[in-house]
């Protein structure tokens, strides 16, 4: 199958579910059974992210006179946990398995019991993202071209999730400074922690731009 045609078919199939499933692909793989396993595992990761926590920790500075250590602008970003992944593995249902071959390989569509969807998605959503009552709606791109379509999809999805985290009203923020000062010792930690749960995070549609060689994602989460 022609590469561009394969991408168009892939996203046409996914977009037809209108946000009610997650999708995983295997990428190039001759062994179809192995390909389905890889696609299922990737789909499960997306399902776990649907349920998972998003957290970020920023350390502005850490100074320790004994260790002579200074750290500035240190950042940690997390996604799902093992327990969330196991819960999703227990609850998920495979809706369909499709073989497209080429750079796409096997495709697995699956869902969790709480996944809804069935939104109407306009054809020009890249330029005019729809408004959905009770939801934050974002459009994101993989930003750079990837040789692997699976990596491009992951990048677009991740950037959409980042944008939804920024827009989410339920964010919890903690900012603190701890100072331990004695005659022979000084330690100062300045840090901030924020995190939230993206309830109902869902990708409604993907689109591939051939000239840019980028994937675009339209995603939503509950406010």
Protein backbone atom coordinates (compact mmCIF):
# COMPACT_ATOMS: atom_id res chain seq x y z
CA UNK A 1 0.00 0.00 0.00
CA UNK A 2 1.27 3.49 -0.84
CA UNK A 3 2.71 5.21 2.26
CA UNK A 4 0.49 8.30 2.10
CA UNK A 5 -2.56 6.18 1.34
CA UNK A 6 -1.74 4.02 4.34
CA UNK A 7 -1.62 7.06 6.66
CA UNK A 8 -4.86 8.43 5.25
CA UNK A 9 -6.58 5.06 5.73
CA UNK A 10 -5.22 4.76 9.27
CA UNK A 11 -6.50 8.14 10.39
CA UNK A 12 -9.78 7.77 8.51
CA UNK A 13 -10.45 4.57 10.45
CA UNK A 14 -9.53 6.17 13.78
CA UNK A 15 -11.43 9.40 13.15
CA UNK A 16 -14.54 7.37 12.40
CA UNK A 17 -14.70 6.36 16.07
CA UNK A 18 -14.97 10.06 17.03
CA UNK A 19 -13.03 9.86 20.28
CA UNK A 20 -14.51 6.63 21.62
CA UNK A 21 -11.33 4.51 21.32
CA UNK A 22 -7.55 4.62 21.59
CA UNK A 23 -5.30 3.35 18.82
CA UNK A 24 -1.96 1.57 18.71
CA UNK A 25 0.10 0.63 15.66
CA UNK A 26 3.01 -1.74 15.29
CA UNK A 27 4.99 -0.01 12.59
CA UNK A 28 6.91 -2.07 9.99
CA UNK A 29 6.70 -5.74 10.94
CA UNK A 30 6.59 -8.85 8.72
CA UNK A 31 5.22 -11.18 11.40
CA UNK A 32 1.53 -10.29 11.72
CA UNK A 33 1.05 -12.02 15.08
CA UNK A 34 4.01 -10.13 16.55
CA UNK A 35 2.74 -6.91 14.98
CA UNK A 36 -0.65 -7.27 16.66
CA UNK A 37 1.09 -7.78 20.01
CA UNK A 38 3.16 -4.62 19.57
CA UNK A 39 0.11 -2.61 18.48
CA UNK A 40 -1.91 -3.89 21.45
CA UNK A 41 0.83 -2.91 23.88
CA UNK A 42 1.03 0.60 22.43
CA UNK A 43 -2.73 0.95 22.49
CA UNK A 44 -2.75 -0.11 26.15
CA UNK A 45 -0.23 2.63 26.94
CA UNK A 46 -2.59 5.21 25.46
CA UNK A 47 -5.50 3.74 27.43
CA UNK A 48 -3.46 3.97 30.62
CA UNK A 49 -2.63 7.57 29.84
CA UNK A 50 -6.37 8.19 29.48
CA UNK A 51 -6.72 7.18 33.12
CA UNK A 52 -3.33 8.33 34.36
CA UNK A 53 -1.93 11.20 36.36
CA UNK A 54 0.10 14.03 34.91
CA UNK A 55 2.65 15.56 37.27
CA UNK A 56 5.55 17.95 36.97
CA UNK A 57 8.18 18.86 39.58
CA UNK A 58 10.43 21.89 39.11
CA UNK A 59 13.46 22.49 41.34
CA UNK A 60 14.46 26.12 41.05
CA UNK A 61 17.70 25.60 42.99
CA UNK A 62 19.34 23.16 45.36
CA UNK A 63 22.43 24.34 47.26
CA UNK A 64 24.33 22.13 49.73
CA UNK A 65 27.56 23.44 51.26
CA UNK A 66 28.74 19.98 52.41
CA UNK A 67 28.31 18.36 49.02
CA UNK A 68 29.23 21.55 47.19
CA UNK A 69 26.29 20.93 44.94
CA UNK A 70 24.10 23.37 43.07
CA UNK A 71 21.28 22.39 40.73
CA UNK A 72 19.26 24.90 38.74
CA UNK A 73 16.07 24.47 36.70
CA UNK A 74 15.80 20.72 37.21
CA UNK A 75 12.53 19.30 35.89
CA UNK A 76 10.73 15.96 36.18
CA UNK A 77 7.65 15.10 34.13
CA UNK A 78 5.61 11.95 34.76
CA UNK A 79 2.63 10.24 33.19
CA UNK A 80 1.04 6.96 34.15
CA UNK A 81 1.94 4.51 36.90
CA UNK A 82 2.25 0.72 36.85
CA UNK A 83 -0.99 0.35 38.80
CA UNK A 84 -2.89 2.46 36.27
CA UNK A 85 -1.44 0.38 33.43
CA UNK A 86 -2.49 -2.87 35.15
CA UNK A 87 -5.99 -1.54 35.78
CA UNK A 88 -6.33 -0.55 32.14
CA UNK A 89 -5.05 -3.97 31.03
CA UNK A 90 -7.72 -5.60 33.15
CA UNK A 91 -10.58 -3.44 31.90
CA UNK A 92 -9.85 -2.70 28.24
CA UNK A 93 -11.78 -4.15 25.31
CA UNK A 94 -10.35 -4.57 21.81
CA UNK A 95 -12.83 -3.19 19.29
CA UNK A 96 -11.03 -4.06 16.06
CA UNK A 97 -7.71 -5.21 14.62
CA UNK A 98 -6.70 -4.12 11.11
CA UNK A 99 -3.65 -4.96 8.98
CA UNK A 100 -2.43 -2.09 6.79
CA UNK A 101 1.18 -3.17 6.33
CA UNK A 102 3.97 -0.83 5.21
CA UNK A 103 5.07 1.72 7.82
CA UNK A 104 1.77 1.31 9.68
CA UNK A 105 1.68 -2.47 10.10
CA UNK A 106 -1.03 -3.74 12.44
CA UNK A 107 -3.58 -1.40 14.02
CA UNK A 108 -5.47 -2.12 17.25
CA UNK A 109 -8.49 -0.09 18.35
CA UNK A 110 -9.53 -0.55 21.98
CA UNK A 111 -11.49 1.22 24.70
CA UNK A 112 -12.14 1.39 28.43
CA UNK A 113 -15.67 1.10 29.90
CA UNK A 114 -15.77 4.78 30.86
CA UNK A 115 -14.79 6.07 27.43
CA UNK A 116 -17.60 7.96 25.72
CA UNK A 117 -16.89 10.00 22.64
CA UNK A 118 -19.12 10.34 19.60
CA UNK A 119 -18.43 14.02 19.12
CA UNK A 120 -18.96 15.63 15.75
CA UNK A 121 -15.57 16.59 14.28
CA UNK A 122 -15.50 19.30 11.57
CA UNK A 123 -13.31 18.72 8.52
CA UNK A 124 -11.30 21.91 9.06
CA UNK A 125 -10.54 21.36 12.76
CA UNK A 126 -6.83 22.18 12.31
CA UNK A 127 -7.75 25.80 11.58
CA UNK A 128 -10.96 26.04 13.58
CA UNK A 129 -11.03 23.79 16.66
CA UNK A 130 -14.62 23.05 17.72
CA UNK A 131 -16.14 24.24 20.99
CA UNK A 132 -17.52 21.44 23.18
CA UNK A 133 -19.47 22.37 26.30
CA UNK A 134 -17.74 21.24 29.49
CA UNK A 135 -14.47 20.33 27.74
CA UNK A 136 -11.14 21.91 26.97
CA UNK A 137 -10.30 21.44 23.28
CA UNK A 138 -6.79 21.70 21.80
CA UNK A 139 -5.01 21.11 18.50
CA UNK A 140 -1.36 20.02 18.64
CA UNK A 141 1.29 18.79 16.21
CA UNK A 142 4.34 16.55 16.35
CA UNK A 143 6.24 19.77 15.46
CA UNK A 144 9.01 18.01 13.55
CA UNK A 145 9.01 15.22 11.02
CA UNK A 146 9.57 11.64 12.18
CA UNK A 147 10.66 8.65 10.13
CA UNK A 148 8.31 6.53 12.27
CA UNK A 149 4.60 7.31 12.05
CA UNK A 150 4.16 5.70 15.49
CA UNK A 151 6.59 8.23 16.99
CA UNK A 152 4.87 11.10 15.19
CA UNK A 153 1.50 10.03 16.58
CA UNK A 154 2.96 9.74 20.07
CA UNK A 155 4.56 13.20 19.83
CA UNK A 156 1.33 14.85 18.64
CA UNK A 157 -0.65 13.10 21.39
CA UNK A 158 1.86 14.08 24.07
CA UNK A 159 1.85 17.73 23.02
CA UNK A 160 -1.94 17.71 23.02
CA UNK A 161 -1.88 16.30 26.55
CA UNK A 162 0.57 19.01 27.64
CA UNK A 163 -1.74 21.69 26.27
CA UNK A 164 -4.71 20.14 28.07
CA UNK A 165 -2.78 20.05 31.35
CA UNK A 166 -2.05 23.77 30.95
CA UNK A 167 -5.72 24.47 30.30
CA UNK A 168 -7.06 22.23 33.06
CA UNK A 169 -8.78 24.07 35.91
CA UNK A 170 -8.08 21.33 38.45
CA UNK A 171 -4.32 21.92 38.63
CA UNK A 172 -2.82 21.82 42.11
CA UNK A 173 0.24 24.01 42.70
CA UNK A 174 2.72 23.88 45.59
CA UNK A 175 5.63 26.32 45.89
CA UNK A 176 8.05 26.03 48.78
CA UNK A 177 11.53 26.94 49.99
CA UNK A 178 13.35 24.92 52.67
CA UNK A 179 16.47 26.30 54.34
CA UNK A 180 18.67 24.34 56.77
CA UNK A 181 21.34 26.68 58.18
CA UNK A 182 23.84 25.81 60.91
CA UNK A 183 27.31 27.04 61.83
CA UNK A 184 29.03 24.53 59.57
CA UNK A 185 26.33 23.65 57.11
CA UNK A 186 23.87 25.26 54.74
CA UNK A 187 21.27 23.68 52.50
CA UNK A 188 18.57 25.50 50.58
CA UNK A 189 15.92 23.87 48.38
CA UNK A 190 13.46 25.81 46.25
CA UNK A 191 10.87 23.76 44.43
CA UNK A 192 7.40 23.74 42.95
CA UNK A 193 5.07 20.82 42.31
CA UNK A 194 1.95 20.80 40.23
CA UNK A 195 -0.22 18.01 39.00
CA UNK A 196 -3.72 17.02 38.03
CA UNK A 197 -5.78 14.20 36.64
CA UNK A 198 -6.91 14.52 33.05
CA UNK A 199 -10.35 12.99 33.38
CA UNK A 200 -11.73 11.91 30.03
CA UNK A 201 -8.65 12.80 28.01
CA UNK A 202 -9.40 11.71 24.47
CA UNK A 203 -8.04 12.23 20.97
CA UNK A 204 -10.95 12.91 18.63
CA UNK A 205 -9.00 12.97 15.37
CA UNK A 206 -5.57 12.77 13.78
CA UNK A 207 -4.49 14.26 10.47
CA UNK A 208 -1.30 13.80 8.47
CA UNK A 209 0.20 16.71 6.56
CA UNK A 210 2.21 15.28 3.68
CA UNK A 211 4.13 18.48 2.84
CA UNK A 212 5.14 19.07 6.47
CA UNK A 213 5.48 15.35 7.24
CA UNK A 214 3.76 15.99 10.57
CA UNK A 215 0.84 14.52 12.45
CA UNK A 216 -1.81 16.79 13.99
CA UNK A 217 -4.06 15.77 16.89
CA UNK A 218 -7.40 17.15 18.06
CA UNK A 219 -7.89 16.30 21.76
CA UNK A 220 -10.29 17.08 24.60
CA UNK A 221 -10.49 16.72 28.39
CA UNK A 222 -13.16 17.57 30.92
CA UNK A 223 -12.88 20.99 32.54
